[in-house]
Amino acid sequence: MRVLPTMVFVFAVSLFAQERQVEPTWLYRQVSSLPERQTDVSSSSCHYTPIFGAGDTETRYPTSVRRFGELTVDAHGSCHAVEYPREEELFFVLQGKGILHYGEESHALEENDFTYVPPTVGHSFSNSSDEPLRLVVTTVRIPQEKSLAAPAKLQVANLSELNEQTVEGHPTSVQYKLLIGPRTAKRDRINAAYMVTDFFLMDFAPAGTNFPHHHEVAEEIYLWL
């Protein structure tokens, strides 16, 4: 199938039980026009650009995603280490190479790598290369009633490892790469999340579409590449 030279990343996140009666809301952002904001990972060589959530102009939405944005680590730069007791994070490398420091481990990252960081694990990024490292970051709240397991071993994968496929109930004009899903499932390349129900890439054929739909108990973020 011939596909468009564009991709869409989709994050689908379950709403907390107490937030399921929320007003339907649609937000749009042009990423290239958004300003950098200071956050807990920021340093003189680590820059965060909020798209939705913390740092955005509209902070009421989304409700389950605390932060969705772009992290840029300058050449030979580094970010401050963070650790979240009840938040999980997903990262995707848009450009460059760097190092993910995960607890006592260090793992090299390259373009199109993706990974999951569970709650309670300290982590940070550094960049020893001569080019910037750019990542998409999604930080998702985990409600108090959700029990947490011991952190699993770090998993890092790359888009090149995945074959495009159709998904049951969706038209064949869209091909999917299934990246990260729930820890109770086996469908995705990395099955580790508490609240994230889907993180996947979509390729559309010319004139292709996915079916119009909505979710009663989930929020979605689409990033067009």
N, C-alpha and C. Protein backbone atom coordinates (compact mmCIF):
# COMPACT_ATOMS: atom_id res chain seq x y z
N MET A 1 0.85 -1.19 0.00
CA MET A 1 0.00 0.00 0.00
C MET A 1 0.88 1.24 0.00
N ARG A 2 0.65 2.16 -0.88
CA ARG A 2 1.37 3.42 -0.89
C ARG A 2 0.79 4.33 0.19
N VAL A 3 1.67 4.85 1.04
CA VAL A 3 1.19 5.67 2.15
C VAL A 3 1.67 7.10 2.00
N LEU A 4 0.99 7.99 2.67
CA LEU A 4 1.39 9.39 2.69
C LEU A 4 2.71 9.54 3.44
N PRO A 5 3.54 10.53 3.09
CA PRO A 5 4.81 10.74 3.79
C PRO A 5 4.60 11.47 5.11
N THR A 6 3.56 11.14 5.80
CA THR A 6 3.28 11.72 7.11
C THR A 6 2.81 10.61 8.03
N MET A 7 3.00 10.83 9.32
CA MET A 7 2.61 9.83 10.31
C MET A 7 1.86 10.53 11.43
N VAL A 8 1.03 9.78 12.09
CA VAL A 8 0.29 10.30 13.23
C VAL A 8 0.55 9.38 14.42
N PHE A 9 1.06 9.95 15.51
CA PHE A 9 1.16 9.21 16.75
C PHE A 9 -0.09 9.47 17.57
N VAL A 10 -0.63 8.42 18.16
CA VAL A 10 -1.85 8.54 18.95
C VAL A 10 -1.59 7.99 20.35
N PHE A 11 -1.92 8.79 21.35
CA PHE A 11 -1.90 8.37 22.74
C PHE A 11 -3.34 8.31 23.23
N ALA A 12 -3.80 7.15 23.62
CA ALA A 12 -5.14 7.01 24.19
C ALA A 12 -4.97 6.66 25.66
N VAL A 13 -5.59 7.45 26.52
CA VAL A 13 -5.39 7.31 27.96
C VAL A 13 -6.74 7.18 28.64
N SER A 14 -6.87 6.18 29.52
CA SER A 14 -8.11 6.00 30.27
C SER A 14 -8.29 7.13 31.25
N LEU A 15 -9.53 7.57 31.39
CA LEU A 15 -9.85 8.59 32.39
C LEU A 15 -10.00 7.96 33.76
N PHE A 16 -9.69 8.76 34.79
CA PHE A 16 -9.96 8.33 36.15
C PHE A 16 -11.47 8.15 36.32
N ALA A 17 -11.85 7.29 37.24
CA ALA A 17 -13.28 7.03 37.45
C ALA A 17 -14.04 8.31 37.75
N GLN A 18 -13.45 9.20 38.59
CA GLN A 18 -14.16 10.41 38.98
C GLN A 18 -14.16 11.46 37.88
N GLU A 19 -13.43 11.24 36.78
CA GLU A 19 -13.35 12.23 35.71
C GLU A 19 -14.09 11.79 34.46
N ARG A 20 -14.86 10.74 34.54
CA ARG A 20 -15.46 10.19 33.33
C ARG A 20 -16.67 10.98 32.85
N GLN A 21 -17.20 11.85 33.68
CA GLN A 21 -18.28 12.72 33.24
C GLN A 21 -17.70 14.10 32.95
N VAL A 22 -16.91 14.20 31.89
CA VAL A 22 -16.26 15.46 31.55
C VAL A 22 -16.88 16.03 30.29
N GLU A 23 -16.75 17.34 30.15
CA GLU A 23 -17.26 18.02 28.96
C GLU A 23 -16.42 17.64 27.75
N PRO A 24 -17.03 17.19 26.65
CA PRO A 24 -16.27 16.89 25.44
C PRO A 24 -15.50 18.13 24.98
N THR A 25 -14.21 17.96 24.72
CA THR A 25 -13.35 19.10 24.43
C THR A 25 -12.40 18.76 23.30
N TRP A 26 -12.17 19.73 22.41
CA TRP A 26 -11.18 19.57 21.35
C TRP A 26 -10.20 20.72 21.41
N LEU A 27 -8.92 20.41 21.52
CA LEU A 27 -7.87 21.41 21.54
C LEU A 27 -6.94 21.18 20.36
N TYR A 28 -6.40 22.26 19.80
CA TYR A 28 -5.47 22.17 18.68
C TYR A 28 -4.28 23.08 18.95
N ARG A 29 -3.08 22.59 18.63
CA ARG A 29 -1.88 23.40 18.78
C ARG A 29 -1.00 23.24 17.54
N GLN A 30 -0.38 24.35 17.09
CA GLN A 30 0.64 24.33 16.06
C GLN A 30 1.99 24.30 16.78
N VAL A 31 2.66 23.17 16.76
CA VAL A 31 3.82 22.95 17.63
C VAL A 31 4.93 23.95 17.34
N SER A 32 5.15 24.29 16.07
CA SER A 32 6.26 25.18 15.71
C SER A 32 6.12 26.59 16.30
N SER A 33 4.91 26.96 16.70
CA SER A 33 4.68 28.31 17.24
C SER A 33 4.66 28.35 18.76
N LEU A 34 4.86 27.23 19.43
CA LEU A 34 4.73 27.19 20.88
C LEU A 34 6.04 27.60 21.57
N PRO A 35 5.95 28.31 22.70
CA PRO A 35 7.16 28.75 23.40
C PRO A 35 7.67 27.68 24.36
N GLU A 36 8.95 27.75 24.66
CA GLU A 36 9.57 26.90 25.67
C GLU A 36 9.10 27.33 27.05
N ARG A 37 8.95 26.37 27.97
CA ARG A 37 8.59 26.65 29.35
C ARG A 37 9.53 25.91 30.29
N GLN A 38 9.74 26.47 31.46
CA GLN A 38 10.54 25.81 32.49
C GLN A 38 9.73 24.69 33.13
N THR A 39 10.37 23.56 33.35
CA THR A 39 9.75 22.46 34.08
C THR A 39 10.80 21.80 34.95
N ASP A 40 10.44 20.72 35.66
CA ASP A 40 11.38 20.14 36.61
C ASP A 40 12.59 19.51 35.95
N VAL A 41 12.51 19.16 34.66
CA VAL A 41 13.66 18.57 33.98
C VAL A 41 14.55 19.62 33.32
N SER A 42 14.08 20.85 33.25
CA SER A 42 14.77 21.90 32.49
C SER A 42 16.13 22.24 33.08
N SER A 43 17.07 22.52 32.20
CA SER A 43 18.38 23.03 32.58
C SER A 43 18.80 24.01 31.49
N SER A 44 20.01 24.56 31.58
CA SER A 44 20.48 25.48 30.55
C SER A 44 20.65 24.79 29.20
N SER A 45 20.70 23.44 29.21
CA SER A 45 20.87 22.69 27.96
C SER A 45 19.74 21.70 27.71
N CYS A 46 18.67 21.80 28.48
CA CYS A 46 17.52 20.90 28.34
C CYS A 46 16.25 21.75 28.33
N HIS A 47 15.49 21.67 27.26
CA HIS A 47 14.40 22.60 27.02
C HIS A 47 13.09 21.85 26.78
N TYR A 48 12.03 22.31 27.43
CA TYR A 48 10.72 21.67 27.29
C TYR A 48 9.74 22.62 26.64
N THR A 49 9.05 22.14 25.58
CA THR A 49 7.99 22.89 24.92
C THR A 49 6.67 22.18 25.16
N PRO A 50 5.78 22.76 25.97
CA PRO A 50 4.50 22.11 26.24
C PRO A 50 3.56 22.19 25.05
N ILE A 51 2.87 21.10 24.78
CA ILE A 51 1.82 21.07 23.75
C ILE A 51 0.45 21.02 24.42
N PHE A 52 0.28 20.09 25.35
CA PHE A 52 -0.93 20.02 26.18
C PHE A 52 -0.51 19.76 27.62
N GLY A 53 -1.39 20.11 28.56
CA GLY A 53 -1.12 19.86 29.96
C GLY A 53 -0.30 20.96 30.59
N ALA A 54 0.54 20.60 31.56
CA ALA A 54 1.34 21.57 32.31
C ALA A 54 2.14 22.47 31.37
N GLY A 55 2.02 23.77 31.57
CA GLY A 55 2.73 24.74 30.75
C GLY A 55 1.94 25.26 29.57
N ASP A 56 0.83 24.59 29.22
CA ASP A 56 -0.01 25.02 28.12
C ASP A 56 -0.92 26.15 28.59
N THR A 57 -1.50 26.89 27.65
CA THR A 57 -2.40 27.98 27.99
C THR A 57 -3.72 27.49 28.57
N GLU A 58 -4.13 26.28 28.24
CA GLU A 58 -5.37 25.70 28.75
C GLU A 58 -5.00 24.48 29.57
N THR A 59 -4.97 24.64 30.90
CA THR A 59 -4.49 23.57 31.78
C THR A 59 -5.60 22.67 32.31
N ARG A 60 -6.86 22.99 32.04
CA ARG A 60 -7.94 22.13 32.52
C ARG A 60 -8.00 20.81 31.78
N TYR A 61 -7.53 20.82 30.55
CA TYR A 61 -7.56 19.62 29.71
C TYR A 61 -6.17 19.41 29.14
N PRO A 62 -5.79 18.17 28.94
CA PRO A 62 -6.51 16.95 29.30
C PRO A 62 -6.47 16.72 30.80
N THR A 63 -7.27 15.78 31.28
CA THR A 63 -7.39 15.56 32.72
C THR A 63 -6.51 14.43 33.23
N SER A 64 -6.28 13.41 32.41
CA SER A 64 -5.44 12.28 32.84
C SER A 64 -3.98 12.45 32.44
N VAL A 65 -3.73 13.14 31.34
CA VAL A 65 -2.37 13.41 30.89
C VAL A 65 -1.87 14.69 31.57
N ARG A 66 -0.84 14.57 32.38
CA ARG A 66 -0.31 15.75 33.07
C ARG A 66 0.54 16.60 32.14
N ARG A 67 1.26 15.94 31.26
CA ARG A 67 2.18 16.69 30.40
C ARG A 67 2.35 15.96 29.07
N PHE A 68 2.24 16.71 27.99
CA PHE A 68 2.52 16.19 26.66
C PHE A 68 3.26 17.28 25.91
N GLY A 69 4.48 16.99 25.46
CA GLY A 69 5.25 18.03 24.80
C GLY A 69 6.53 17.50 24.20
N GLU A 70 7.40 18.42 23.85
CA GLU A 70 8.67 18.08 23.20
C GLU A 70 9.83 18.49 24.08
N LEU A 71 10.76 17.57 24.28
CA LEU A 71 11.96 17.80 25.07
C LEU A 71 13.15 17.85 24.13
N THR A 72 13.96 18.91 24.23
CA THR A 72 15.15 19.06 23.40
C THR A 72 16.37 19.16 24.30
N VAL A 73 17.32 18.26 24.07
CA VAL A 73 18.59 18.26 24.81
C VAL A 73 19.67 18.74 23.85
N ASP A 74 20.30 19.86 24.18
CA ASP A 74 21.33 20.41 23.32
C ASP A 74 22.50 19.45 23.17
N ALA A 75 23.31 19.68 22.13
CA ALA A 75 24.54 18.91 21.96
C ALA A 75 25.39 19.02 23.24
N HIS A 76 25.82 17.87 23.75
CA HIS A 76 26.64 17.78 24.97
C HIS A 76 25.90 18.35 26.19
N GLY A 77 24.58 18.25 26.16
CA GLY A 77 23.77 18.76 27.27
C GLY A 77 23.16 17.63 28.08
N SER A 78 22.40 18.01 29.11
CA SER A 78 21.73 17.03 29.96
C SER A 78 20.53 17.67 30.64
N CYS A 79 19.59 16.82 31.07
CA CYS A 79 18.40 17.25 31.79
C CYS A 79 18.54 16.90 33.27
N HIS A 80 17.76 17.57 34.11
CA HIS A 80 17.71 17.22 35.52
C HIS A 80 16.99 15.88 35.70
N ALA A 81 17.47 15.09 36.63
CA ALA A 81 16.84 13.81 36.93
C ALA A 81 15.53 14.05 37.69
N VAL A 82 14.53 13.22 37.41
CA VAL A 82 13.23 13.30 38.08
C VAL A 82 12.77 11.90 38.45
N GLU A 83 11.84 11.85 39.39
CA GLU A 83 11.22 10.59 39.81
C GLU A 83 9.80 10.90 40.25
N TYR A 84 8.82 10.18 39.72
CA TYR A 84 7.43 10.45 40.01
C TYR A 84 6.80 9.26 40.72
N PRO A 85 6.22 9.47 41.90
CA PRO A 85 5.67 8.34 42.65
C PRO A 85 4.41 7.74 42.03
N ARG A 86 3.60 8.57 41.32
CA ARG A 86 2.35 8.05 40.75
C ARG A 86 2.12 8.62 39.36
N GLU A 87 3.14 8.59 38.55
CA GLU A 87 3.03 9.01 37.15
C GLU A 87 3.91 8.10 36.29
N GLU A 88 3.40 7.77 35.12
CA GLU A 88 4.16 6.98 34.15
C GLU A 88 4.48 7.86 32.95
N GLU A 89 5.58 7.54 32.26
CA GLU A 89 6.01 8.37 31.14
C GLU A 89 6.34 7.52 29.92
N LEU A 90 6.00 8.07 28.75
CA LEU A 90 6.35 7.48 27.47
C LEU A 90 7.24 8.47 26.72
N PHE A 91 8.26 7.95 26.05
CA PHE A 91 9.18 8.79 25.29
C PHE A 91 9.35 8.23 23.88
N PHE A 92 9.43 9.14 22.91
CA PHE A 92 9.74 8.76 21.53
C PHE A 92 10.80 9.71 21.00
N VAL A 93 11.86 9.17 20.39
CA VAL A 93 12.97 9.98 19.88
C VAL A 93 12.63 10.46 18.47
N LEU A 94 12.42 11.76 18.32
CA LEU A 94 12.13 12.34 17.02
C LEU A 94 13.39 12.56 16.20
N GLN A 95 14.49 12.91 16.88
CA GLN A 95 15.71 13.28 16.16
C GLN A 95 16.90 13.11 17.10
N GLY A 96 18.03 12.66 16.54
CA GLY A 96 19.28 12.65 17.27
C GLY A 96 19.55 11.38 18.04
N LYS A 97 20.62 11.45 18.85
CA LYS A 97 21.04 10.34 19.69
C LYS A 97 21.30 10.86 21.10
N GLY A 98 21.18 9.96 22.07
CA GLY A 98 21.43 10.36 23.45
C GLY A 98 21.46 9.16 24.36
N ILE A 99 21.40 9.44 25.66
CA ILE A 99 21.44 8.41 26.68
C ILE A 99 20.26 8.59 27.62
N LEU A 100 19.51 7.53 27.88
CA LEU A 100 18.50 7.50 28.93
C LEU A 100 19.12 6.89 30.17
N HIS A 101 19.10 7.62 31.26
CA HIS A 101 19.57 7.13 32.55
C HIS A 101 18.33 6.68 33.33
N TYR A 102 18.24 5.40 33.59
CA TYR A 102 17.05 4.76 34.16
C TYR A 102 17.48 4.03 35.43
N GLY A 103 17.20 4.64 36.59
CA GLY A 103 17.70 4.04 37.83
C GLY A 103 19.21 3.97 37.77
N GLU A 104 19.75 2.77 37.93
CA GLU A 104 21.19 2.56 37.85
C GLU A 104 21.66 2.20 36.45
N GLU A 105 20.72 2.10 35.50
CA GLU A 105 21.06 1.70 34.13
C GLU A 105 21.26 2.93 33.24
N SER A 106 21.98 2.73 32.15
CA SER A 106 22.10 3.73 31.09
C SER A 106 21.88 3.02 29.77
N HIS A 107 21.09 3.63 28.90
CA HIS A 107 20.76 2.99 27.63
C HIS A 107 20.86 4.00 26.50
N ALA A 108 21.61 3.65 25.46
CA ALA A 108 21.75 4.53 24.30
C ALA A 108 20.43 4.62 23.54
N LEU A 109 20.11 5.81 23.06
CA LEU A 109 18.90 6.05 22.28
C LEU A 109 19.28 6.60 20.91
N GLU A 110 18.47 6.27 19.92
CA GLU A 110 18.64 6.81 18.58
C GLU A 110 17.28 7.16 18.00
N GLU A 111 17.30 7.79 16.84
CA GLU A 111 16.06 8.23 16.20
C GLU A 111 15.08 7.08 16.02
N ASN A 112 13.82 7.35 16.33
CA ASN A 112 12.70 6.40 16.24
C ASN A 112 12.69 5.35 17.35
N ASP A 113 13.54 5.49 18.35
CA ASP A 113 13.42 4.65 19.55
C ASP A 113 12.23 5.12 20.38
N PHE A 114 11.63 4.20 21.13
CA PHE A 114 10.59 4.56 22.08
C PHE A 114 10.74 3.70 23.32
N THR A 115 10.26 4.22 24.45
CA THR A 115 10.43 3.51 25.72
C THR A 115 9.38 3.97 26.73
N TYR A 116 9.28 3.20 27.78
CA TYR A 116 8.30 3.45 28.85
C TYR A 116 9.05 3.52 30.18
N VAL A 117 8.73 4.53 31.00
CA VAL A 117 9.32 4.67 32.33
C VAL A 117 8.19 4.60 33.36
N PRO A 118 8.20 3.61 34.24
CA PRO A 118 7.13 3.46 35.22
C PRO A 118 7.31 4.42 36.39
N PRO A 119 6.30 4.53 37.25
CA PRO A 119 6.44 5.36 38.45
C PRO A 119 7.53 4.83 39.35
N THR A 120 8.09 5.73 40.17
CA THR A 120 9.10 5.46 41.21
C THR A 120 10.50 5.25 40.68
N VAL A 121 10.73 5.30 39.39
CA VAL A 121 12.08 5.12 38.84
C VAL A 121 12.67 6.47 38.48
N GLY A 122 13.81 6.81 39.08
CA GLY A 122 14.50 8.04 38.72
C GLY A 122 15.07 7.94 37.31
N HIS A 123 14.97 9.02 36.54
CA HIS A 123 15.44 8.97 35.17
C HIS A 123 15.80 10.37 34.66
N SER A 124 16.66 10.39 33.65
CA SER A 124 17.07 11.64 33.03
C SER A 124 17.65 11.33 31.65
N PHE A 125 17.97 12.39 30.89
CA PHE A 125 18.54 12.24 29.56
C PHE A 125 19.81 13.08 29.46
N SER A 126 20.77 12.56 28.69
CA SER A 126 21.96 13.33 28.35
C SER A 126 22.29 13.11 26.89
N ASN A 127 23.10 13.98 26.35
CA ASN A 127 23.41 13.97 24.92
C ASN A 127 24.89 14.27 24.74
N SER A 128 25.66 13.27 24.37
CA SER A 128 27.10 13.46 24.15
C SER A 128 27.44 13.71 22.69
N SER A 129 26.43 13.80 21.83
CA SER A 129 26.66 14.00 20.41
C SER A 129 26.79 15.48 20.08
N ASP A 130 27.07 15.75 18.79
CA ASP A 130 27.20 17.14 18.33
C ASP A 130 25.90 17.70 17.76
N GLU A 131 24.81 16.93 17.85
CA GLU A 131 23.51 17.36 17.34
C GLU A 131 22.47 17.32 18.46
N PRO A 132 21.40 18.13 18.36
CA PRO A 132 20.36 18.10 19.39
C PRO A 132 19.65 16.75 19.44
N LEU A 133 19.18 16.41 20.61
CA LEU A 133 18.31 15.24 20.83
C LEU A 133 16.91 15.76 21.09
N ARG A 134 15.93 15.31 20.29
CA ARG A 134 14.54 15.75 20.43
C ARG A 134 13.66 14.55 20.72
N LEU A 135 12.85 14.67 21.76
CA LEU A 135 11.96 13.59 22.17
C LEU A 135 10.55 14.12 22.38
N VAL A 136 9.57 13.28 22.12
CA VAL A 136 8.20 13.52 22.57
C VAL A 136 8.04 12.86 23.93
N VAL A 137 7.48 13.59 24.88
CA VAL A 137 7.27 13.05 26.22
C VAL A 137 5.79 13.14 26.58
N THR A 138 5.28 12.07 27.16
CA THR A 138 3.91 12.04 27.69
C THR A 138 3.97 11.57 29.13
N THR A 139 3.45 12.38 30.05
CA THR A 139 3.41 12.04 31.47
C THR A 139 1.95 11.85 31.88
N VAL A 140 1.63 10.69 32.43
CA VAL A 140 0.24 10.31 32.71
C VAL A 140 0.07 10.05 34.20
N ARG A 141 -0.96 10.63 34.78
CA ARG A 141 -1.25 10.42 36.20
C ARG A 141 -1.79 9.01 36.44
N ILE A 142 -1.44 8.45 37.59
CA ILE A 142 -1.96 7.15 38.01
C ILE A 142 -2.75 7.37 39.30
N PRO A 143 -4.04 7.05 39.35
CA PRO A 143 -4.86 7.33 40.54
C PRO A 143 -4.40 6.51 41.74
N GLN A 144 -4.71 7.04 42.92
CA GLN A 144 -4.29 6.41 44.16
C GLN A 144 -4.84 5.00 44.32
N GLU A 145 -6.02 4.75 43.79
CA GLU A 145 -6.63 3.43 43.96
C GLU A 145 -5.98 2.35 43.10
N LYS A 146 -5.14 2.76 42.16
CA LYS A 146 -4.46 1.79 41.29
C LYS A 146 -3.20 1.28 42.00
N SER A 147 -3.14 -0.03 42.23
CA SER A 147 -1.97 -0.61 42.89
C SER A 147 -0.80 -0.68 41.92
N LEU A 148 0.41 -0.48 42.43
CA LEU A 148 1.60 -0.45 41.61
C LEU A 148 2.44 -1.69 41.84
N ALA A 149 2.99 -2.23 40.78
CA ALA A 149 3.90 -3.36 40.87
C ALA A 149 5.33 -2.85 40.94
N ALA A 150 6.25 -3.73 41.26
CA ALA A 150 7.67 -3.36 41.26
C ALA A 150 8.08 -2.97 39.84
N PRO A 151 8.91 -1.93 39.68
CA PRO A 151 9.32 -1.52 38.34
C PRO A 151 9.98 -2.65 37.57
N ALA A 152 9.62 -2.76 36.31
CA ALA A 152 10.18 -3.81 35.46
C ALA A 152 11.49 -3.35 34.85
N LYS A 153 12.20 -4.27 34.25
CA LYS A 153 13.43 -3.95 33.55
C LYS A 153 13.13 -3.03 32.39
N LEU A 154 14.03 -2.09 32.14
CA LEU A 154 13.85 -1.13 31.06
C LEU A 154 13.72 -1.83 29.71
N GLN A 155 12.76 -1.38 28.90
CA GLN A 155 12.60 -1.85 27.53
C GLN A 155 12.68 -0.65 26.59
N VAL A 156 13.54 -0.77 25.59
CA VAL A 156 13.66 0.24 24.53
C VAL A 156 13.51 -0.48 23.20
N ALA A 157 12.67 0.04 22.32
CA ALA A 157 12.45 -0.57 21.01
C ALA A 157 12.53 0.53 19.94
N ASN A 158 12.51 0.11 18.68
CA ASN A 158 12.61 1.05 17.57
C ASN A 158 11.51 0.76 16.55
N LEU A 159 11.03 1.80 15.89
CA LEU A 159 9.98 1.64 14.88
C LEU A 159 10.36 0.62 13.82
N SER A 160 11.65 0.54 13.49
CA SER A 160 12.09 -0.37 12.43
C SER A 160 11.85 -1.83 12.78
N GLU A 161 11.65 -2.14 14.06
CA GLU A 161 11.39 -3.51 14.48
C GLU A 161 9.96 -3.95 14.19
N LEU A 162 9.07 -3.00 13.94
CA LEU A 162 7.64 -3.29 13.85
C LEU A 162 7.17 -3.30 12.41
N ASN A 163 6.32 -4.25 12.09
CA ASN A 163 5.66 -4.29 10.80
C ASN A 163 4.34 -3.54 10.87
N GLU A 164 3.99 -2.86 9.78
CA GLU A 164 2.68 -2.23 9.74
C GLU A 164 1.61 -3.30 9.62
N GLN A 165 0.45 -3.05 10.21
CA GLN A 165 -0.63 -4.01 10.20
C GLN A 165 -1.96 -3.29 10.24
N THR A 166 -3.00 -3.99 9.84
CA THR A 166 -4.34 -3.46 10.02
C THR A 166 -4.81 -3.84 11.42
N VAL A 167 -5.82 -3.14 11.90
CA VAL A 167 -6.40 -3.41 13.21
C VAL A 167 -7.88 -3.72 13.01
N GLU A 168 -8.33 -4.79 13.65
CA GLU A 168 -9.72 -5.21 13.51
C GLU A 168 -10.67 -4.09 13.87
N GLY A 169 -11.69 -3.91 13.04
CA GLY A 169 -12.67 -2.86 13.27
C GLY A 169 -12.31 -1.53 12.64
N HIS A 170 -11.14 -1.46 11.96
CA HIS A 170 -10.71 -0.23 11.31
C HIS A 170 -10.46 -0.50 9.83
N PRO A 171 -10.62 0.51 8.97
CA PRO A 171 -10.47 0.28 7.53
C PRO A 171 -9.03 -0.06 7.16
N THR A 172 -8.87 -0.77 6.05
CA THR A 172 -7.55 -1.19 5.60
C THR A 172 -6.76 -0.05 4.99
N SER A 173 -7.36 1.12 4.83
CA SER A 173 -6.64 2.28 4.29
C SER A 173 -5.72 2.92 5.32
N VAL A 174 -5.72 2.40 6.54
CA VAL A 174 -4.82 2.86 7.59
C VAL A 174 -4.00 1.67 8.09
N GLN A 175 -2.69 1.86 8.15
CA GLN A 175 -1.78 0.84 8.67
C GLN A 175 -1.25 1.32 10.03
N TYR A 176 -1.07 0.38 10.95
CA TYR A 176 -0.69 0.71 12.32
C TYR A 176 0.62 0.05 12.70
N LYS A 177 1.40 0.75 13.53
CA LYS A 177 2.49 0.15 14.27
C LYS A 177 2.16 0.33 15.75
N LEU A 178 2.05 -0.76 16.48
CA LEU A 178 1.58 -0.75 17.86
C LEU A 178 2.79 -0.72 18.79
N LEU A 179 2.99 0.41 19.47
CA LEU A 179 4.22 0.64 20.22
C LEU A 179 4.11 0.23 21.68
N ILE A 180 3.23 0.91 22.43
CA ILE A 180 3.15 0.70 23.88
C ILE A 180 1.70 0.55 24.28
N GLY A 181 1.40 -0.44 25.13
CA GLY A 181 0.05 -0.68 25.59
C GLY A 181 0.01 -1.11 27.03
N PRO A 182 -1.15 -1.56 27.51
CA PRO A 182 -1.33 -1.92 28.92
C PRO A 182 -0.46 -3.09 29.35
N ARG A 183 -0.10 -3.10 30.61
CA ARG A 183 0.73 -4.17 31.17
C ARG A 183 -0.01 -5.50 31.20
N THR A 184 -1.32 -5.47 31.11
CA THR A 184 -2.13 -6.69 31.13
C THR A 184 -2.34 -7.27 29.73
N ALA A 185 -1.82 -6.61 28.69
CA ALA A 185 -2.04 -7.04 27.31
C ALA A 185 -0.76 -7.62 26.72
N LYS A 186 -0.89 -8.12 25.48
CA LYS A 186 0.26 -8.70 24.78
C LYS A 186 0.36 -8.19 23.35
N ARG A 187 -0.48 -7.23 22.97
CA ARG A 187 -0.58 -6.82 21.58
C ARG A 187 0.57 -5.94 21.13
N ASP A 188 1.06 -5.08 22.01
CA ASP A 188 2.00 -4.04 21.61
C ASP A 188 3.45 -4.49 21.78
N ARG A 189 4.36 -3.72 21.21
CA ARG A 189 5.78 -4.06 21.33
C ARG A 189 6.24 -4.00 22.78
N ILE A 190 5.77 -2.99 23.51
CA ILE A 190 6.05 -2.87 24.95
C ILE A 190 4.71 -2.85 25.67
N ASN A 191 4.46 -3.85 26.50
CA ASN A 191 3.22 -3.93 27.27
C ASN A 191 3.56 -3.66 28.73
N ALA A 192 3.34 -2.41 29.17
CA ALA A 192 3.85 -2.03 30.48
C ALA A 192 3.01 -0.98 31.20
N ALA A 193 2.07 -0.33 30.52
CA ALA A 193 1.43 0.86 31.06
C ALA A 193 0.29 0.54 32.03
N TYR A 194 0.06 1.45 32.98
CA TYR A 194 -1.07 1.36 33.89
C TYR A 194 -2.31 2.05 33.31
N MET A 195 -2.15 3.25 32.77
CA MET A 195 -3.29 4.04 32.32
C MET A 195 -3.33 4.24 30.80
N VAL A 196 -2.20 4.12 30.13
CA VAL A 196 -2.15 4.30 28.68
C VAL A 196 -2.73 3.06 28.01
N THR A 197 -3.77 3.23 27.25
CA THR A 197 -4.40 2.10 26.58
C THR A 197 -3.82 1.84 25.20
N ASP A 198 -3.29 2.87 24.54
CA ASP A 198 -2.70 2.71 23.22
C ASP A 198 -1.69 3.82 22.95
N PHE A 199 -0.55 3.45 22.41
CA PHE A 199 0.38 4.41 21.82
C PHE A 199 0.81 3.79 20.50
N PHE A 200 0.39 4.38 19.39
CA PHE A 200 0.65 3.75 18.11
C PHE A 200 0.86 4.79 17.02
N LEU A 201 1.43 4.33 15.92
CA LEU A 201 1.64 5.15 14.74
C LEU A 201 0.66 4.73 13.67
N MET A 202 0.12 5.72 12.95
CA MET A 202 -0.83 5.45 11.87
C MET A 202 -0.27 6.00 10.56
N ASP A 203 -0.30 5.19 9.51
CA ASP A 203 0.02 5.63 8.15
C ASP A 203 -1.26 5.55 7.32
N PHE A 204 -1.58 6.66 6.64
CA PHE A 204 -2.80 6.72 5.83
C PHE A 204 -2.46 6.57 4.35
N ALA A 205 -3.20 5.72 3.67
CA ALA A 205 -3.11 5.65 2.21
C ALA A 205 -3.74 6.91 1.62
N PRO A 206 -3.39 7.28 0.37
CA PRO A 206 -4.07 8.40 -0.27
C PRO A 206 -5.59 8.21 -0.21
N ALA A 207 -6.29 9.24 0.24
CA ALA A 207 -7.74 9.22 0.42
C ALA A 207 -8.18 8.28 1.54
N GLY A 208 -7.23 7.78 2.33
CA GLY A 208 -7.58 6.86 3.41
C GLY A 208 -8.11 7.58 4.63
N THR A 209 -8.79 6.85 5.48
CA THR A 209 -9.35 7.43 6.70
C THR A 209 -9.55 6.33 7.73
N ASN A 210 -9.52 6.70 9.00
CA ASN A 210 -10.05 5.80 10.01
C ASN A 210 -11.52 6.16 10.24
N PHE A 211 -12.28 5.25 10.81
CA PHE A 211 -13.71 5.50 10.97
C PHE A 211 -13.96 6.62 11.99
N PRO A 212 -14.94 7.47 11.77
CA PRO A 212 -15.34 8.42 12.81
C PRO A 212 -15.73 7.67 14.07
N HIS A 213 -15.28 8.17 15.22
CA HIS A 213 -15.54 7.45 16.47
C HIS A 213 -15.37 8.41 17.64
N HIS A 214 -15.77 7.97 18.81
CA HIS A 214 -15.48 8.69 20.04
C HIS A 214 -15.34 7.67 21.16
N HIS A 215 -14.75 8.13 22.28
CA HIS A 215 -14.54 7.26 23.43
C HIS A 215 -15.22 7.86 24.65
N GLU A 216 -15.99 7.05 25.33
CA GLU A 216 -16.70 7.52 26.52
C GLU A 216 -15.75 7.73 27.70
N VAL A 217 -14.70 6.91 27.81
CA VAL A 217 -13.87 6.93 29.02
C VAL A 217 -12.38 7.01 28.68
N ALA A 218 -12.04 7.72 27.61
CA ALA A 218 -10.63 7.87 27.25
C ALA A 218 -10.41 9.22 26.58
N GLU A 219 -9.19 9.73 26.72
CA GLU A 219 -8.74 10.92 26.02
C GLU A 219 -7.72 10.50 24.96
N GLU A 220 -7.67 11.22 23.86
CA GLU A 220 -6.70 10.93 22.81
C GLU A 220 -5.91 12.18 22.44
N ILE A 221 -4.63 11.98 22.16
CA ILE A 221 -3.78 13.04 21.63
C ILE A 221 -3.19 12.55 20.31
N TYR A 222 -3.35 13.35 19.26
CA TYR A 222 -2.79 13.03 17.96
C TYR A 222 -1.66 14.01 17.66
N LEU A 223 -0.50 13.48 17.28
CA LEU A 223 0.64 14.31 16.87
C LEU A 223 0.95 13.99 15.41
N TRP A 224 0.78 14.98 14.55
CA TRP A 224 0.98 14.79 13.11
C TRP A 224 2.45 15.09 12.79
N LEU A 225 3.14 14.10 12.19
CA LEU A 225 4.56 14.27 11.85
C LEU A 225 4.72 14.46 10.36
